[in-house]
Amino acid sequence: MSDIGQPPAGPPPAGPPPVPPTGPSPGTPSRTALPDSAAPRRNRPGWLTLPADPPGPFRRSFWRSPIRGPWLTSVLGLVLLVGVSVLFVTGLLSYAAYNPGLSPVNDTTPGKGLLGFFLFSWPTRPEWLYRVNQGVHVSLGLVLVPVLAAKLWSVLPRLFEWPPLRSPAHALERLSLFLLVGGAVFEFVTGIMNIQQWYVFPGSFYTLHFYGAWVFVAAFVTHAALKFPAVIRALRGRGLLRELRVSTARTRPEPPDAGLLVSPAPAAPTISRRGALAFAGAGSLVLLALSVGQSIGGPLRRTALLAPHGQAEGSRPGGGFQVNVTMAESGVTAGQTGASWRLALTRTGAAGASVTLTRAELLAMPQHTAHLSINCVEGWSTGDQEWTGVRLRDLARLVGADQPANVLVESLQHGGAFSRVELSAGQVMDPDSLLALRVNGADLSPDHGYPARVIVPASPGVHNTKWVASMTFTS
């Protein structure tokens, strides 16, 4: 796939020599017939005069790969069209899972306006809904990285057009290309950094990824709409299955009039188009094998090398499964969670009520056991654990909130982005939504939220608040 190099010393590949075009083909932009040094010079001022010979990569003959052309770019583009569409839908569902309409507590995105829409309050059933959604979103994002890299390689000559700006219309086209490429790189890079919990970028990942996604998708939809007819023509012209049967020795460049991606001075092929696709596909399979175990669980969890933080386990007994934030990292102290700990229950409204409970009093209440997983926005899941505690709806009834509209849960942790969360009525009233006191037959470990934590089916992991201090129900 190399672009730079000298032609081979041996005889040229078998086959008829290319016939130089005698004129532009019908429908072909005239710039494809211009030599490297040809550039429009319509009475420009002296300081705007462009050099006669374009420098380095701006010269079309600089790019020499014989497999680069509309066909390869179109195939890669179709894969990205499907993949990015799934990423966008699962991203919207992930946003909806935070129930952003409940309260600014759940969504602090500034100035989101109409971009902050969501279609429904996030359900608690099926219990695996968020786990599958985030597993697909994160794993697919990683799988598409080699495809995106191959796609960017295939269109590199378009990024180095000469002259760089020919007209206001061309400037707008270049701007849209910058938003498309820049948006794609930004979304994939920030997503991977979030998986690794490497927050070196300024501001909140949540906000940056949210707005970056809308910029990228707007550019992506526009680009796909404009290029789709060309994609269909390219695939019809060479055929998908027919081209996949062509070996490296039989690989030929596409016709010179096929577009600016075709090199005017191609080198001998060192890989076929099917080889290039297989190379990108193999990279995708490797990334899938190194990531999918974090959401599937079981023996495959040990293969999830791209999610090392998902391998950290809470202190035993009962806590031998993943944690994101330990007790020490949260700033919560043993003194806060000891014998002096109390749970404050409050109901707001004209006839407000409040109750304070010790852990012993909570243990004396009717206990319920549910098998639920913790599912993180970063794509990993703990698998089902056996949680035992008091139903949230029973706690609501203690303060007279028989039909609560929502509940605000606050942690002993201070200053964390998710030390507070607001849960919907459906989440409070689900029979498996718990203030958990025990897990897997033992008391909660400090890292898993002792003395009490929330666990709600199908919710983002950050909404399963640990070290709960208070719950405020709204009737």
Protein backbone atom coordinates (compact mmCIF):
# COMPACT_ATOMS: atom_id res chain seq x y z
CA MET A 1 0.00 0.00 0.00
CA SER A 2 3.07 2.25 -0.11
CA ASP A 3 2.74 5.46 -2.06
CA ILE A 4 6.39 6.41 -2.54
CA GLY A 5 9.01 4.37 -4.35
CA GLN A 6 10.72 3.76 -7.67
CA PRO A 7 9.17 1.64 -10.43
CA PRO A 8 10.46 -1.95 -10.42
CA ALA A 9 13.51 -2.70 -12.56
CA GLY A 10 11.94 -5.76 -14.16
CA PRO A 11 9.36 -5.85 -16.95
CA PRO A 12 6.02 -4.19 -16.29
CA PRO A 13 3.06 -6.33 -15.18
CA ALA A 14 1.34 -8.32 -17.86
CA GLY A 15 -1.59 -6.74 -19.54
CA PRO A 16 -2.26 -4.02 -22.09
CA PRO A 17 -0.43 -0.75 -21.41
CA PRO A 18 -2.63 2.14 -20.31
CA VAL A 19 -3.74 4.39 -23.11
CA PRO A 20 -3.36 8.06 -22.29
CA PRO A 21 -6.69 9.86 -22.56
CA THR A 22 -7.07 12.14 -25.53
CA GLY A 23 -9.46 14.40 -23.70
CA PRO A 24 -11.63 14.54 -20.69
CA SER A 25 -14.28 11.85 -20.44
CA PRO A 26 -17.89 12.99 -20.44
CA GLY A 27 -18.87 14.16 -16.99
CA THR A 28 -15.27 14.25 -15.72
CA PRO A 29 -14.16 17.50 -14.06
CA SER A 30 -11.59 19.24 -16.18
CA ARG A 31 -9.11 19.40 -13.26
CA THR A 32 -8.46 15.65 -13.60
CA ALA A 33 -6.80 16.31 -16.96
CA LEU A 34 -4.51 19.05 -15.67
CA PRO A 35 -0.82 18.27 -15.20
CA ASP A 36 0.67 18.62 -11.73
CA SER A 37 1.93 22.10 -12.43
CA ALA A 38 -1.29 23.38 -13.96
CA ALA A 39 -3.27 25.63 -11.67
CA PRO A 40 -5.74 28.39 -12.56
CA ARG A 41 -4.18 31.83 -12.30
CA ARG A 42 -6.99 34.29 -12.99
CA ASN A 43 -5.30 37.69 -12.53
CA ARG A 44 -4.21 36.98 -8.98
CA PRO A 45 -2.21 39.63 -7.11
CA GLY A 46 1.49 38.81 -6.89
CA TRP A 47 1.27 37.76 -3.25
CA LEU A 48 -1.43 35.22 -4.19
CA THR A 49 0.47 33.67 -7.10
CA LEU A 50 0.89 29.93 -6.56
CA PRO A 51 4.15 28.13 -7.41
CA ALA A 52 4.25 26.47 -10.80
CA ASP A 53 5.05 23.04 -9.31
CA PRO A 54 3.00 21.92 -6.30
CA PRO A 55 5.13 20.92 -3.32
CA GLY A 56 5.49 17.31 -2.15
CA PRO A 57 2.16 15.61 -1.36
CA PHE A 58 0.22 18.31 -3.20
CA ARG A 59 1.62 16.84 -6.44
CA ARG A 60 -0.68 14.06 -7.70
CA SER A 61 2.22 11.90 -8.87
CA PHE A 62 3.43 11.82 -5.26
CA TRP A 63 0.70 9.27 -4.53
CA ARG A 64 1.62 6.04 -6.32
CA SER A 65 -0.46 3.24 -4.85
CA PRO A 66 -2.20 1.37 -7.70
CA ILE A 67 -5.10 0.17 -5.51
CA ARG A 68 -6.24 3.60 -4.41
CA GLY A 69 -9.38 4.72 -6.23
CA PRO A 70 -13.15 5.07 -6.01
CA TRP A 71 -13.81 1.32 -5.63
CA LEU A 72 -11.73 0.75 -2.47
CA THR A 73 -12.91 4.03 -0.96
CA SER A 74 -16.54 3.13 -1.68
CA VAL A 75 -16.33 -0.29 -0.02
CA LEU A 76 -14.74 1.16 3.10
CA GLY A 77 -17.26 3.98 3.07
CA LEU A 78 -20.20 1.55 3.02
CA VAL A 79 -18.79 -0.32 6.03
CA LEU A 80 -18.44 2.96 7.90
CA LEU A 81 -21.92 4.06 6.84
CA VAL A 82 -23.45 1.04 8.56
CA GLY A 83 -21.09 1.06 11.53
CA VAL A 84 -21.30 4.78 12.29
CA SER A 85 -25.10 4.65 12.04
CA VAL A 86 -25.18 1.93 14.72
CA LEU A 87 -22.73 3.93 16.85
CA PHE A 88 -24.92 7.02 16.62
CA VAL A 89 -28.11 5.17 17.57
CA THR A 90 -26.48 3.39 20.52
CA GLY A 91 -24.95 6.72 21.56
CA LEU A 92 -28.39 8.35 21.61
CA LEU A 93 -29.73 5.43 23.64
CA SER A 94 -26.84 5.77 26.07
CA TYR A 95 -27.70 9.46 26.49
CA ALA A 96 -31.36 8.57 27.10
CA ALA A 97 -30.33 6.03 29.77
CA TYR A 98 -29.28 8.93 32.01
CA ASN A 99 -32.88 10.23 31.96
CA PRO A 100 -31.54 13.72 31.20
CA GLY A 101 -34.99 15.32 31.41
CA LEU A 102 -35.37 14.51 35.10
CA SER A 103 -32.93 17.01 36.51
CA PRO A 104 -29.72 18.93 35.80
CA VAL A 105 -28.21 16.50 38.31
CA ASN A 106 -28.31 13.81 35.62
CA ASP A 107 -27.24 15.96 32.68
CA THR A 108 -25.06 19.02 33.08
CA THR A 109 -24.47 19.57 29.34
CA PRO A 110 -24.52 23.36 28.84
CA GLY A 111 -26.64 24.92 26.12
CA LYS A 112 -27.74 21.60 24.62
CA GLY A 113 -31.09 22.97 23.41
CA LEU A 114 -32.78 20.75 20.85
CA LEU A 115 -29.72 18.50 20.69
CA GLY A 116 -30.60 17.16 24.13
CA PHE A 117 -33.75 15.39 23.00
CA PHE A 118 -34.60 11.83 23.98
CA LEU A 119 -37.67 9.83 23.05
CA PHE A 120 -38.59 7.98 26.24
CA SER A 121 -37.84 7.56 29.91
CA TRP A 122 -35.24 4.81 30.24
CA PRO A 123 -36.88 1.50 31.24
CA THR A 124 -35.69 -1.05 33.79
CA ARG A 125 -36.57 -4.01 31.57
CA PRO A 126 -35.09 -6.00 30.00
CA GLU A 127 -32.42 -5.97 32.69
CA TRP A 128 -29.64 -6.48 30.10
CA LEU A 129 -30.68 -3.52 27.94
CA TYR A 130 -27.98 -1.05 28.97
CA ARG A 131 -25.35 -3.79 29.14
CA VAL A 132 -25.96 -4.78 25.51
CA ASN A 133 -26.26 -1.19 24.31
CA GLN A 134 -22.94 -0.11 25.80
CA GLY A 135 -21.21 -3.35 24.84
CA VAL A 136 -22.18 -2.77 21.21
CA HIS A 137 -21.33 0.93 21.31
CA VAL A 138 -17.85 0.53 22.79
CA SER A 139 -16.84 -2.72 21.05
CA LEU A 140 -18.05 -1.52 17.65
CA GLY A 141 -16.23 1.79 18.12
CA LEU A 142 -12.98 -0.12 18.62
CA VAL A 143 -13.69 -2.51 15.75
CA LEU A 144 -14.15 0.38 13.32
CA VAL A 145 -10.77 1.97 14.10
CA PRO A 146 -8.84 -0.05 11.44
CA VAL A 147 -11.62 0.58 8.92
CA LEU A 148 -11.49 4.31 9.61
CA ALA A 149 -7.69 4.30 9.27
CA ALA A 150 -7.95 2.47 5.92
CA LYS A 151 -10.62 4.89 4.72
CA LEU A 152 -8.48 7.91 5.61
CA TRP A 153 -5.50 6.34 3.80
CA SER A 154 -7.64 5.76 0.72
CA VAL A 155 -8.62 9.44 0.44
CA LEU A 156 -5.31 11.08 1.40
CA PRO A 157 -4.83 12.67 -2.06
CA ARG A 158 -8.11 14.54 -1.59
CA LEU A 159 -6.72 16.13 1.56
CA PHE A 160 -3.81 17.53 -0.47
CA GLU A 161 -5.61 19.04 -3.45
CA TRP A 162 -3.81 21.82 -5.32
CA PRO A 163 -4.53 24.65 -5.22
CA PRO A 164 -5.84 24.26 -1.66
CA LEU A 165 -8.65 26.78 -2.21
CA ARG A 166 -9.97 27.55 -5.68
CA SER A 167 -13.21 29.36 -4.92
CA PRO A 168 -15.65 30.12 -2.09
CA ALA A 169 -17.59 26.95 -3.00
CA HIS A 170 -14.40 24.91 -2.89
CA ALA A 171 -13.55 26.48 0.48
CA LEU A 172 -16.90 25.31 1.86
CA GLU A 173 -16.24 21.81 0.52
CA ARG A 174 -12.82 21.78 2.23
CA LEU A 175 -14.39 22.97 5.47
CA SER A 176 -16.95 20.16 5.39
CA LEU A 177 -14.13 17.68 4.76
CA PHE A 178 -12.21 19.08 7.72
CA LEU A 179 -15.29 18.69 9.96
CA LEU A 180 -15.82 15.15 8.72
CA VAL A 181 -12.24 13.94 9.20
CA GLY A 182 -11.60 16.00 12.32
CA GLY A 183 -14.92 14.97 13.86
CA ALA A 184 -14.26 11.28 13.19
CA VAL A 185 -10.77 11.39 14.70
CA PHE A 186 -12.00 13.42 17.69
CA GLU A 187 -14.88 11.05 18.50
CA PHE A 188 -12.85 7.88 18.18
CA VAL A 189 -9.85 9.25 20.10
CA THR A 190 -11.90 10.67 22.99
CA GLY A 191 -13.95 7.47 23.16
CA ILE A 192 -10.82 5.33 23.45
CA MET A 193 -9.36 7.69 26.06
CA ASN A 194 -12.54 7.37 28.08
CA ILE A 195 -12.34 3.56 27.97
CA GLN A 196 -8.84 3.84 29.41
CA GLN A 197 -9.94 6.56 31.88
CA TRP A 198 -7.20 8.83 30.53
CA TYR A 199 -8.78 12.25 30.95
CA VAL A 200 -6.09 14.61 29.68
CA PHE A 201 -8.41 16.70 27.52
CA PRO A 202 -9.84 19.98 28.85
CA GLY A 203 -13.37 19.89 30.17
CA SER A 204 -15.78 17.03 30.66
CA PHE A 205 -15.55 13.99 28.39
CA TYR A 206 -19.33 13.74 28.54
CA THR A 207 -19.84 17.26 27.14
CA LEU A 208 -17.01 17.09 24.59
CA HIS A 209 -18.11 13.72 23.23
CA PHE A 210 -21.75 14.87 23.10
CA TYR A 211 -21.10 17.97 20.97
CA GLY A 212 -18.37 16.28 18.95
CA ALA A 213 -20.83 13.55 18.00
CA TRP A 214 -23.34 16.04 16.61
CA VAL A 215 -20.70 17.89 14.58
CA PHE A 216 -19.33 14.64 13.18
CA VAL A 217 -22.73 13.15 12.36
CA ALA A 218 -23.90 16.33 10.60
CA ALA A 219 -20.78 16.28 8.40
CA PHE A 220 -21.07 12.51 7.92
CA VAL A 221 -24.71 12.62 6.78
CA THR A 222 -23.97 15.45 4.35
CA HIS A 223 -20.94 13.65 2.94
CA ALA A 224 -22.80 10.33 2.60
CA ALA A 225 -25.70 11.97 0.80
CA LEU A 226 -23.40 13.71 -1.68
CA LYS A 227 -21.18 10.70 -2.34
CA PHE A 228 -23.71 7.88 -2.38
CA PRO A 229 -24.37 8.04 -6.17
CA ALA A 230 -20.61 7.86 -6.80
CA VAL A 231 -20.33 4.87 -4.46
CA ILE A 232 -23.02 3.00 -6.38
CA ARG A 233 -21.34 3.77 -9.72
CA ALA A 234 -17.95 2.60 -8.44
CA LEU A 235 -19.30 -0.69 -7.11
CA ARG A 236 -21.33 -1.37 -10.22
CA GLY A 237 -18.38 -0.58 -12.45
CA ARG A 238 -16.05 -3.20 -10.95
CA GLY A 239 -18.33 -5.47 -8.94
CA LEU A 240 -17.69 -6.47 -5.35
CA LEU A 241 -17.28 -10.23 -5.71
CA ARG A 242 -15.37 -9.94 -8.98
CA GLU A 243 -12.80 -7.58 -7.49
CA LEU A 244 -12.40 -9.75 -4.39
CA ARG A 245 -11.19 -12.58 -6.63
CA VAL A 246 -8.35 -10.48 -8.12
CA SER A 247 -4.89 -11.43 -6.84
CA THR A 248 -1.98 -9.05 -6.30
CA ALA A 249 -0.32 -10.09 -9.59
CA ARG A 250 -3.50 -9.27 -11.54
CA THR A 251 -4.25 -6.00 -9.71
CA ARG A 252 -4.48 -2.99 -12.02
CA PRO A 253 -5.10 0.70 -11.31
CA GLU A 254 -8.53 2.06 -12.02
CA PRO A 255 -8.90 4.13 -15.21
CA PRO A 256 -7.21 7.56 -15.07
CA ASP A 257 -10.56 9.30 -15.54
CA ALA A 258 -12.05 7.57 -12.48
CA GLY A 259 -11.20 10.55 -10.29
CA LEU A 260 -8.50 12.36 -8.34
CA LEU A 261 -7.81 9.34 -6.13
CA VAL A 262 -6.24 7.40 -9.02
CA SER A 263 -2.49 7.92 -9.33
CA PRO A 264 -1.25 9.26 -12.69
CA ALA A 265 2.03 7.34 -12.14
CA PRO A 266 1.14 4.15 -10.25
CA ALA A 267 3.82 1.85 -8.87
CA ALA A 268 3.71 -1.92 -9.19
CA PRO A 269 1.16 -3.48 -6.82
CA THR A 270 2.44 -4.96 -3.57
CA ILE A 271 -1.03 -5.85 -2.27
CA SER A 272 -4.41 -6.42 -3.86
CA ARG A 273 -7.57 -4.58 -2.97
CA ARG A 274 -8.92 -7.70 -1.29
CA GLY A 275 -5.64 -7.88 0.65
CA ALA A 276 -6.10 -4.31 1.87
CA LEU A 277 -9.65 -5.10 2.99
CA ALA A 278 -8.48 -8.31 4.67
CA PHE A 279 -5.73 -6.38 6.49
CA ALA A 280 -8.26 -3.89 7.89
CA GLY A 281 -10.68 -6.69 8.71
CA ALA A 282 -8.01 -8.66 10.58
CA GLY A 283 -7.20 -5.59 12.65
CA SER A 284 -10.88 -5.22 13.50
CA LEU A 285 -11.13 -8.86 14.58
CA VAL A 286 -8.09 -8.49 16.85
CA LEU A 287 -9.59 -5.42 18.53
CA LEU A 288 -12.90 -7.25 18.93
CA ALA A 289 -11.18 -10.19 20.62
CA LEU A 290 -9.34 -7.82 22.98
CA SER A 291 -12.44 -5.88 24.04
CA VAL A 292 -15.69 -7.85 23.79
CA GLY A 293 -14.95 -9.95 26.88
CA GLN A 294 -15.46 -6.91 29.11
CA SER A 295 -19.19 -6.91 28.40
CA ILE A 296 -19.79 -10.63 27.72
CA GLY A 297 -17.99 -11.75 30.87
CA GLY A 298 -17.07 -15.29 31.84
CA PRO A 299 -13.70 -16.67 30.65
CA LEU A 300 -13.57 -14.02 27.90
CA ARG A 301 -13.17 -11.31 30.54
CA ARG A 302 -9.50 -12.25 30.84
CA THR A 303 -9.00 -11.43 27.15
CA ALA A 304 -10.29 -7.85 27.53
CA LEU A 305 -6.80 -6.35 27.56
CA LEU A 306 -8.09 -3.04 26.20
CA ALA A 307 -10.15 -2.52 29.37
CA PRO A 308 -7.56 -2.95 32.14
CA HIS A 309 -9.53 -0.86 34.63
CA GLY A 310 -12.39 -3.34 34.22
CA GLN A 311 -10.17 -6.02 35.75
CA ALA A 312 -9.83 -4.26 39.14
CA GLU A 313 -11.80 -6.05 41.82
CA GLY A 314 -13.25 -4.78 45.04
CA SER A 315 -12.02 -6.10 48.36
CA ARG A 316 -13.48 -9.42 49.47
CA PRO A 317 -15.58 -11.04 50.92
CA GLY A 318 -18.51 -10.71 48.56
CA GLY A 319 -16.80 -8.01 46.52
CA GLY A 320 -14.67 -9.91 44.04
CA PHE A 321 -15.86 -8.05 40.95
CA GLN A 322 -15.03 -4.85 39.11
CA VAL A 323 -15.03 -1.37 40.60
CA ASN A 324 -14.38 1.99 38.95
CA VAL A 325 -13.86 4.16 42.02
CA THR A 326 -12.54 2.74 45.28
CA MET A 327 -13.42 4.09 48.71
CA ALA A 328 -9.95 5.63 49.05
CA GLU A 329 -10.27 7.37 45.66
CA SER A 330 -13.70 8.77 46.58
CA GLY A 331 -12.46 10.46 49.74
CA VAL A 332 -14.98 8.61 51.93
CA THR A 333 -13.47 7.63 55.28
CA ALA A 334 -14.08 4.64 57.54
CA GLY A 335 -15.40 6.98 60.22
CA GLN A 336 -18.20 8.12 57.90
CA THR A 337 -19.31 4.55 57.19
CA GLY A 338 -18.99 3.19 60.75
CA ALA A 339 -21.47 2.94 63.62
CA SER A 340 -22.40 6.64 63.36
CA TRP A 341 -23.70 6.27 59.77
CA ARG A 342 -27.39 7.07 59.25
CA LEU A 343 -29.63 7.04 56.18
CA ALA A 344 -31.81 10.13 55.88
CA LEU A 345 -35.14 9.64 54.06
CA THR A 346 -37.18 12.71 53.12
CA ARG A 347 -40.37 13.44 51.22
CA THR A 348 -40.73 16.92 49.72
CA GLY A 349 -43.97 18.83 49.44
CA ALA A 350 -46.41 20.73 51.62
CA ALA A 351 -46.78 17.78 53.99
CA GLY A 352 -43.15 16.74 54.02
CA ALA A 353 -41.85 13.90 56.14
CA SER A 354 -38.48 12.54 57.16
CA VAL A 355 -37.09 9.35 58.69
CA THR A 356 -33.59 8.45 59.85
CA LEU A 357 -32.46 4.81 59.85
CA THR A 358 -29.40 2.94 61.08
CA ARG A 359 -27.97 0.03 59.14
CA ALA A 360 -29.33 -2.38 61.75
CA GLU A 361 -32.82 -0.96 61.26
CA LEU A 362 -32.50 -1.38 57.50
CA LEU A 363 -31.43 -5.01 57.98
CA ALA A 364 -34.50 -5.57 60.16
CA MET A 365 -36.82 -4.50 57.33
CA PRO A 366 -38.13 -7.01 54.73
CA GLN A 367 -35.18 -8.01 52.54
CA HIS A 368 -35.32 -8.72 48.82
CA THR A 369 -32.69 -10.48 46.67
CA ALA A 370 -32.11 -9.73 42.98
CA HIS A 371 -29.49 -10.92 40.49
CA LEU A 372 -28.27 -7.84 38.65
CA SER A 373 -25.13 -6.63 36.88
CA ILE A 374 -23.34 -3.29 37.08
CA ASN A 375 -22.94 -1.93 33.56
CA CYS A 376 -20.51 0.88 32.89
CA VAL A 377 -20.68 3.53 30.17
CA GLU A 378 -17.14 2.44 29.25
CA GLY A 379 -18.54 -0.88 28.01
CA TRP A 380 -17.65 -3.30 30.81
CA SER A 381 -20.06 -5.27 32.95
CA THR A 382 -19.63 -7.14 36.20
CA GLY A 383 -21.95 -9.98 35.24
CA ASP A 384 -24.86 -10.84 37.53
CA GLN A 385 -24.25 -10.57 41.27
CA GLU A 386 -26.64 -11.55 44.06
CA TRP A 387 -27.76 -8.33 45.76
CA THR A 388 -29.81 -8.26 48.98
CA GLY A 389 -31.40 -5.21 50.56
CA VAL A 390 -34.52 -3.08 50.96
CA ARG A 391 -36.67 -2.22 47.95
CA LEU A 392 -36.60 1.46 47.04
CA ARG A 393 -40.38 1.55 46.90
CA ASP A 394 -40.55 0.31 50.51
CA LEU A 395 -38.27 3.15 51.59
CA ALA A 396 -40.50 5.60 49.70
CA ARG A 397 -43.54 4.37 51.62
CA LEU A 398 -41.79 5.00 54.94
CA VAL A 399 -42.05 8.75 54.25
CA GLY A 400 -45.53 8.56 52.67
CA ALA A 401 -44.43 8.62 49.02
CA ASP A 402 -46.57 5.72 47.80
CA GLN A 403 -46.33 6.90 44.18
CA PRO A 404 -43.07 8.88 43.99
CA ALA A 405 -42.33 10.93 40.89
CA ASN A 406 -38.58 10.55 41.42
CA VAL A 407 -35.90 10.29 44.09
CA LEU A 408 -32.67 12.20 44.58
CA VAL A 409 -29.93 9.90 45.90
CA GLU A 410 -26.88 11.53 47.51
CA SER A 411 -23.60 9.88 48.48
CA LEU A 412 -21.12 10.47 51.28
CA GLN A 413 -18.70 11.21 48.45
CA HIS A 414 -18.24 14.92 47.77
CA GLY A 415 -17.13 16.57 44.55
CA GLY A 416 -17.50 13.59 42.24
CA ALA A 417 -19.35 14.01 38.97
CA PHE A 418 -21.85 11.33 39.98
CA SER A 419 -22.02 11.67 43.75
CA ARG A 420 -25.71 12.47 43.25
CA VAL A 421 -28.30 11.00 40.90
CA GLU A 422 -32.02 11.36 40.28
CA LEU A 423 -33.96 8.17 39.54
CA SER A 424 -37.31 8.06 37.75
CA ALA A 425 -40.62 6.76 39.11
CA GLY A 426 -40.26 3.59 37.07
CA GLN A 427 -36.82 2.95 38.53
CA VAL A 428 -38.03 3.51 42.11
CA MET A 429 -41.06 1.24 41.73
CA ASP A 430 -39.29 -1.67 39.99
CA PRO A 431 -39.42 -4.67 42.36
CA ASP A 432 -35.69 -5.34 41.89
CA SER A 433 -34.54 -1.77 42.57
CA LEU A 434 -32.74 -1.94 45.91
CA LEU A 435 -30.85 -0.11 48.54
CA ALA A 436 -28.40 -3.01 48.71
CA LEU A 437 -26.80 -3.97 52.04
CA ARG A 438 -25.24 -7.31 51.04
CA VAL A 439 -23.84 -8.88 47.89
CA ASN A 440 -23.11 -12.52 47.13
CA GLY A 441 -24.07 -13.55 50.64
CA ALA A 442 -21.76 -11.11 52.46
CA ASP A 443 -21.87 -7.51 53.63
CA LEU A 444 -20.90 -4.95 51.01
CA SER A 445 -17.19 -4.32 50.89
CA PRO A 446 -15.97 -0.73 51.40
CA ASP A 447 -15.09 -0.41 47.71
CA HIS A 448 -18.56 -1.58 46.69
CA GLY A 449 -20.39 0.98 48.78
CA TYR A 450 -20.65 -0.19 52.41
CA PRO A 451 -22.82 0.50 54.34
CA ALA A 452 -25.45 0.83 51.56
CA ARG A 453 -25.63 1.41 47.83
CA VAL A 454 -28.28 1.67 45.14
CA ILE A 455 -28.68 -1.05 42.51
CA VAL A 456 -31.24 -0.55 39.71
CA PRO A 457 -31.90 -2.87 36.73
CA ALA A 458 -30.67 -1.70 33.29
CA SER A 459 -29.22 1.55 34.64
CA PRO A 460 -25.80 3.10 33.91
CA GLY A 461 -23.28 2.01 36.53
CA VAL A 462 -22.71 5.56 37.76
CA HIS A 463 -26.39 5.72 38.77
CA ASN A 464 -25.92 2.83 41.19
CA THR A 465 -24.72 5.26 43.85
CA LYS A 466 -22.36 3.96 46.53
CA TRP A 467 -22.01 5.05 50.19
CA VAL A 468 -25.58 6.42 50.19
CA ALA A 469 -26.21 9.16 52.74
CA SER A 470 -29.70 10.43 51.89
CA MET A 471 -32.70 9.86 49.64
CA THR A 472 -35.22 12.60 48.88
CA PHE A 473 -38.51 11.43 47.31
CA THR A 474 -40.80 13.75 45.36
CA SER A 475 -44.47 12.78 45.40
